[in-house]
Amino acid sequence: MALKEQLVDGIAILALKGKLLGGSETDELHNKLRQLQQQDINKIILDLRQLKRLNSSGVAALMMAKNRLRNAGGDLKLVNVEGEVRNVFMITKLITIFDTFSSLDRALESFGKESN
């Protein structure tokens, strides 16, 4: 899995590419989230447009990340949940747990609405 990072108004945007199937891939995601939290960045958007596969280990990593960020006063939101990954989210009902957006702009705006 490849991970690309961007920071917009104190919100980290992480674009994931490839597969999130456990092992080093989930370790990489956990390490990046931990690094961001050490920088007091607790609002994160994961762009899943280029994530092609996700299994139960990947789902667990996303759930742990969401819980950790919420406990720290932040949140994890998802954008561009498509294809096979969307199917996994629908089957597991995760689509009802995560805030998902079709565009990055809408995901960014949603963080602004929370603070109002």
C-alpha atoms as a PDB file:
ATOM      1  CA  MET A   1       0.000   0.000   0.000  1.00  0.00           C
ATOM      2  CA  ALA A   2       1.183   3.483  -0.799  1.00  0.00           C
ATOM      3  CA  LEU A   3       0.190   6.428   1.356  1.00  0.00           C
ATOM      4  CA  LYS A   4       0.230  10.078   0.293  1.00  0.00           C
ATOM      5  CA  GLU A   5      -0.275  12.846   2.852  1.00  0.00           C
ATOM      6  CA  GLN A   6      -1.634  16.368   2.506  1.00  0.00           C
ATOM      7  CA  LEU A   7      -2.531  18.899   5.208  1.00  0.00           C
ATOM      8  CA  VAL A   8      -5.402  21.376   4.704  1.00  0.00           C
ATOM      9  CA  ASP A   9      -6.424  23.749   7.515  1.00  0.00           C
ATOM     10  CA  GLY A  10      -5.159  21.381  10.203  1.00  0.00           C
ATOM     11  CA  ILE A  11      -6.914  18.373   8.668  1.00  0.00           C
ATOM     12  CA  ALA A  12      -4.763  15.532   7.378  1.00  0.00           C
ATOM     13  CA  ILE A  13      -5.778  13.926   4.109  1.00  0.00           C
ATOM     14  CA  LEU A  14      -4.281  10.514   3.534  1.00  0.00           C
ATOM     15  CA  ALA A  15      -4.698   8.976   0.093  1.00  0.00           C
ATOM     16  CA  LEU A  16      -4.353   5.198   0.209  1.00  0.00           C
ATOM     17  CA  LYS A  17      -3.347   3.270  -2.887  1.00  0.00           C
ATOM     18  CA  GLY A  18      -3.283  -0.472  -3.355  1.00  0.00           C
ATOM     19  CA  LYS A  19      -4.496  -2.932  -0.732  1.00  0.00           C
ATOM     20  CA  LEU A  20      -5.186  -2.798   3.002  1.00  0.00           C
ATOM     21  CA  LEU A  21      -4.988  -6.463   3.964  1.00  0.00           C
ATOM     22  CA  GLY A  22      -3.106  -6.465   7.275  1.00  0.00           C
ATOM     23  CA  GLY A  23       0.546  -6.873   8.168  1.00  0.00           C
ATOM     24  CA  SER A  24       2.882  -4.095   7.066  1.00  0.00           C
ATOM     25  CA  GLU A  25       0.050  -2.201   5.351  1.00  0.00           C
ATOM     26  CA  THR A  26      -1.974  -1.746   8.518  1.00  0.00           C
ATOM     27  CA  ASP A  27       1.212  -1.080  10.493  1.00  0.00           C
ATOM     28  CA  GLU A  28       2.054   1.726   8.077  1.00  0.00           C
ATOM     29  CA  LEU A  29      -1.392   3.270   8.519  1.00  0.00           C
ATOM     30  CA  HIS A  30      -1.254   2.975  12.337  1.00  0.00           C
ATOM     31  CA  ASN A  31       2.223   4.528  12.426  1.00  0.00           C
ATOM     32  CA  LYS A  32       1.129   7.450  10.245  1.00  0.00           C
ATOM     33  CA  LEU A  33      -1.940   8.088  12.412  1.00  0.00           C
ATOM     34  CA  ARG A  34       0.153   7.925  15.579  1.00  0.00           C
ATOM     35  CA  GLN A  35       2.633  10.381  14.046  1.00  0.00           C
ATOM     36  CA  LEU A  36      -0.179  12.792  13.151  1.00  0.00           C
ATOM     37  CA  GLN A  37      -1.655  12.572  16.650  1.00  0.00           C
ATOM     38  CA  GLN A  38       1.745  13.396  18.132  1.00  0.00           C
ATOM     39  CA  GLN A  39       1.515  16.591  16.066  1.00  0.00           C
ATOM     40  CA  ASP A  40      -1.956  17.243  17.566  1.00  0.00           C
ATOM     41  CA  ILE A  41      -3.681  16.439  14.284  1.00  0.00           C
ATOM     42  CA  ASN A  42      -6.826  14.504  15.183  1.00  0.00           C
ATOM     43  CA  LYS A  43      -9.014  15.253  12.175  1.00  0.00           C
ATOM     44  CA  ILE A  44      -8.215  12.919   9.326  1.00  0.00           C
ATOM     45  CA  ILE A  45      -9.767  12.133   5.977  1.00  0.00           C
ATOM     46  CA  LEU A  46      -8.869   8.909   4.202  1.00  0.00           C
ATOM     47  CA  ASP A  47      -9.204   9.116   0.430  1.00  0.00           C
ATOM     48  CA  LEU A  48      -9.947   5.554  -0.690  1.00  0.00           C
ATOM     49  CA  ARG A  49     -10.316   6.217  -4.442  1.00  0.00           C
ATOM     50  CA  GLN A  50      -7.230   4.132  -5.251  1.00  0.00           C
ATOM     51  CA  LEU A  51      -7.664   1.499  -2.542  1.00  0.00           C
ATOM     52  CA  LYS A  52      -8.474  -1.641  -4.512  1.00  0.00           C
ATOM     53  CA  ARG A  53      -8.880  -4.271  -1.785  1.00  0.00           C
ATOM     54  CA  LEU A  54      -9.778  -4.351   1.876  1.00  0.00           C
ATOM     55  CA  ASN A  55     -10.175  -7.377   4.165  1.00  0.00           C
ATOM     56  CA  SER A  56     -11.144  -7.891   7.805  1.00  0.00           C
ATOM     57  CA  SER A  57      -7.681  -6.792   9.007  1.00  0.00           C
ATOM     58  CA  GLY A  58      -8.028  -3.583   7.017  1.00  0.00           C
ATOM     59  CA  VAL A  59     -11.516  -3.014   8.399  1.00  0.00           C
ATOM     60  CA  ALA A  60     -10.207  -3.546  11.944  1.00  0.00           C
ATOM     61  CA  ALA A  61      -7.424  -1.023  11.307  1.00  0.00           C
ATOM     62  CA  LEU A  62      -9.955   1.587  10.156  1.00  0.00           C
ATOM     63  CA  MET A  63     -12.213   0.951  13.155  1.00  0.00           C
ATOM     64  CA  MET A  64      -9.292   1.233  15.587  1.00  0.00           C
ATOM     65  CA  ALA A  65      -8.172   4.455  13.913  1.00  0.00           C
ATOM     66  CA  LYS A  66     -11.663   5.960  14.124  1.00  0.00           C
ATOM     67  CA  ASN A  67     -11.989   5.048  17.808  1.00  0.00           C
ATOM     68  CA  ARG A  68      -8.530   6.388  18.665  1.00  0.00           C
ATOM     69  CA  LEU A  69      -9.206   9.689  16.916  1.00  0.00           C
ATOM     70  CA  ARG A  70     -12.639  10.101  18.486  1.00  0.00           C
ATOM     71  CA  ASN A  71     -11.172   9.447  21.950  1.00  0.00           C
ATOM     72  CA  ALA A  72      -8.694  12.242  21.228  1.00  0.00           C
ATOM     73  CA  GLY A  73     -11.465  14.673  20.278  1.00  0.00           C
ATOM     74  CA  GLY A  74     -11.118  14.234  16.526  1.00  0.00           C
ATOM     75  CA  ASP A  75     -12.608  12.012  13.881  1.00  0.00           C
ATOM     76  CA  LEU A  76     -11.864   9.898  10.838  1.00  0.00           C
ATOM     77  CA  LYS A  77     -13.880  10.453   7.673  1.00  0.00           C
ATOM     78  CA  LEU A  78     -13.751   8.671   4.354  1.00  0.00           C
ATOM     79  CA  VAL A  79     -13.955   9.987   0.824  1.00  0.00           C
ATOM     80  CA  ASN A  80     -14.284   8.174  -2.503  1.00  0.00           C
ATOM     81  CA  VAL A  81     -15.347   4.790  -1.117  1.00  0.00           C
ATOM     82  CA  GLU A  82     -15.756   2.940  -4.408  1.00  0.00           C
ATOM     83  CA  GLY A  83     -15.741  -0.452  -6.100  1.00  0.00           C
ATOM     84  CA  GLU A  84     -14.867  -3.546  -4.085  1.00  0.00           C
ATOM     85  CA  VAL A  85     -14.080  -1.441  -1.025  1.00  0.00           C
ATOM     86  CA  ARG A  86     -17.582   0.064  -1.108  1.00  0.00           C
ATOM     87  CA  ASN A  87     -19.027  -3.455  -1.359  1.00  0.00           C
ATOM     88  CA  VAL A  88     -17.169  -4.448   1.816  1.00  0.00           C
ATOM     89  CA  PHE A  89     -18.514  -1.352   3.585  1.00  0.00           C
ATOM     90  CA  MET A  90     -22.078  -2.121   2.458  1.00  0.00           C
ATOM     91  CA  ILE A  91     -21.987  -5.830   3.387  1.00  0.00           C
ATOM     92  CA  THR A  92     -20.493  -5.159   6.829  1.00  0.00           C
ATOM     93  CA  LYS A  93     -22.765  -2.133   7.437  1.00  0.00           C
ATOM     94  CA  LEU A  94     -19.652   0.005   8.055  1.00  0.00           C
ATOM     95  CA  ILE A  95     -21.193   2.520   5.688  1.00  0.00           C
ATOM     96  CA  THR A  96     -23.488   3.432   8.618  1.00  0.00           C
ATOM     97  CA  ILE A  97     -20.598   3.843  11.082  1.00  0.00           C
ATOM     98  CA  PHE A  98     -18.212   5.975   9.031  1.00  0.00           C
ATOM     99  CA  ASP A  99     -18.989   9.390   7.620  1.00  0.00           C
ATOM    100  CA  THR A 100     -18.406   8.939   3.895  1.00  0.00           C
ATOM    101  CA  PHE A 101     -18.318  11.617   1.227  1.00  0.00           C
ATOM    102  CA  SER A 102     -18.185  11.634  -2.560  1.00  0.00           C
ATOM    103  CA  SER A 103     -15.849  14.632  -2.694  1.00  0.00           C
ATOM    104  CA  LEU A 104     -12.918  15.899  -0.704  1.00  0.00           C
ATOM    105  CA  ASP A 105     -14.472  19.364  -0.467  1.00  0.00           C
ATOM    106  CA  ARG A 106     -17.573  17.972   1.252  1.00  0.00           C
ATOM    107  CA  ALA A 107     -15.478  15.947   3.679  1.00  0.00           C
ATOM    108  CA  LEU A 108     -13.428  19.042   4.564  1.00  0.00           C
ATOM    109  CA  GLU A 109     -16.589  21.120   4.989  1.00  0.00           C
ATOM    110  CA  SER A 110     -18.047  18.537   7.354  1.00  0.00           C
ATOM    111  CA  PHE A 111     -15.270  19.154   9.862  1.00  0.00           C
ATOM    112  CA  GLY A 112     -16.121  22.851   9.839  1.00  0.00           C
ATOM    113  CA  LYS A 113     -19.757  22.136  10.600  1.00  0.00           C
ATOM    114  CA  GLU A 114     -18.797  20.113  13.686  1.00  0.00           C
ATOM    115  CA  SER A 115     -17.182  23.085  15.384  1.00  0.00           C
ATOM    116  CA  ASN A 116     -20.181  25.414  14.830  1.00  0.00           C
END
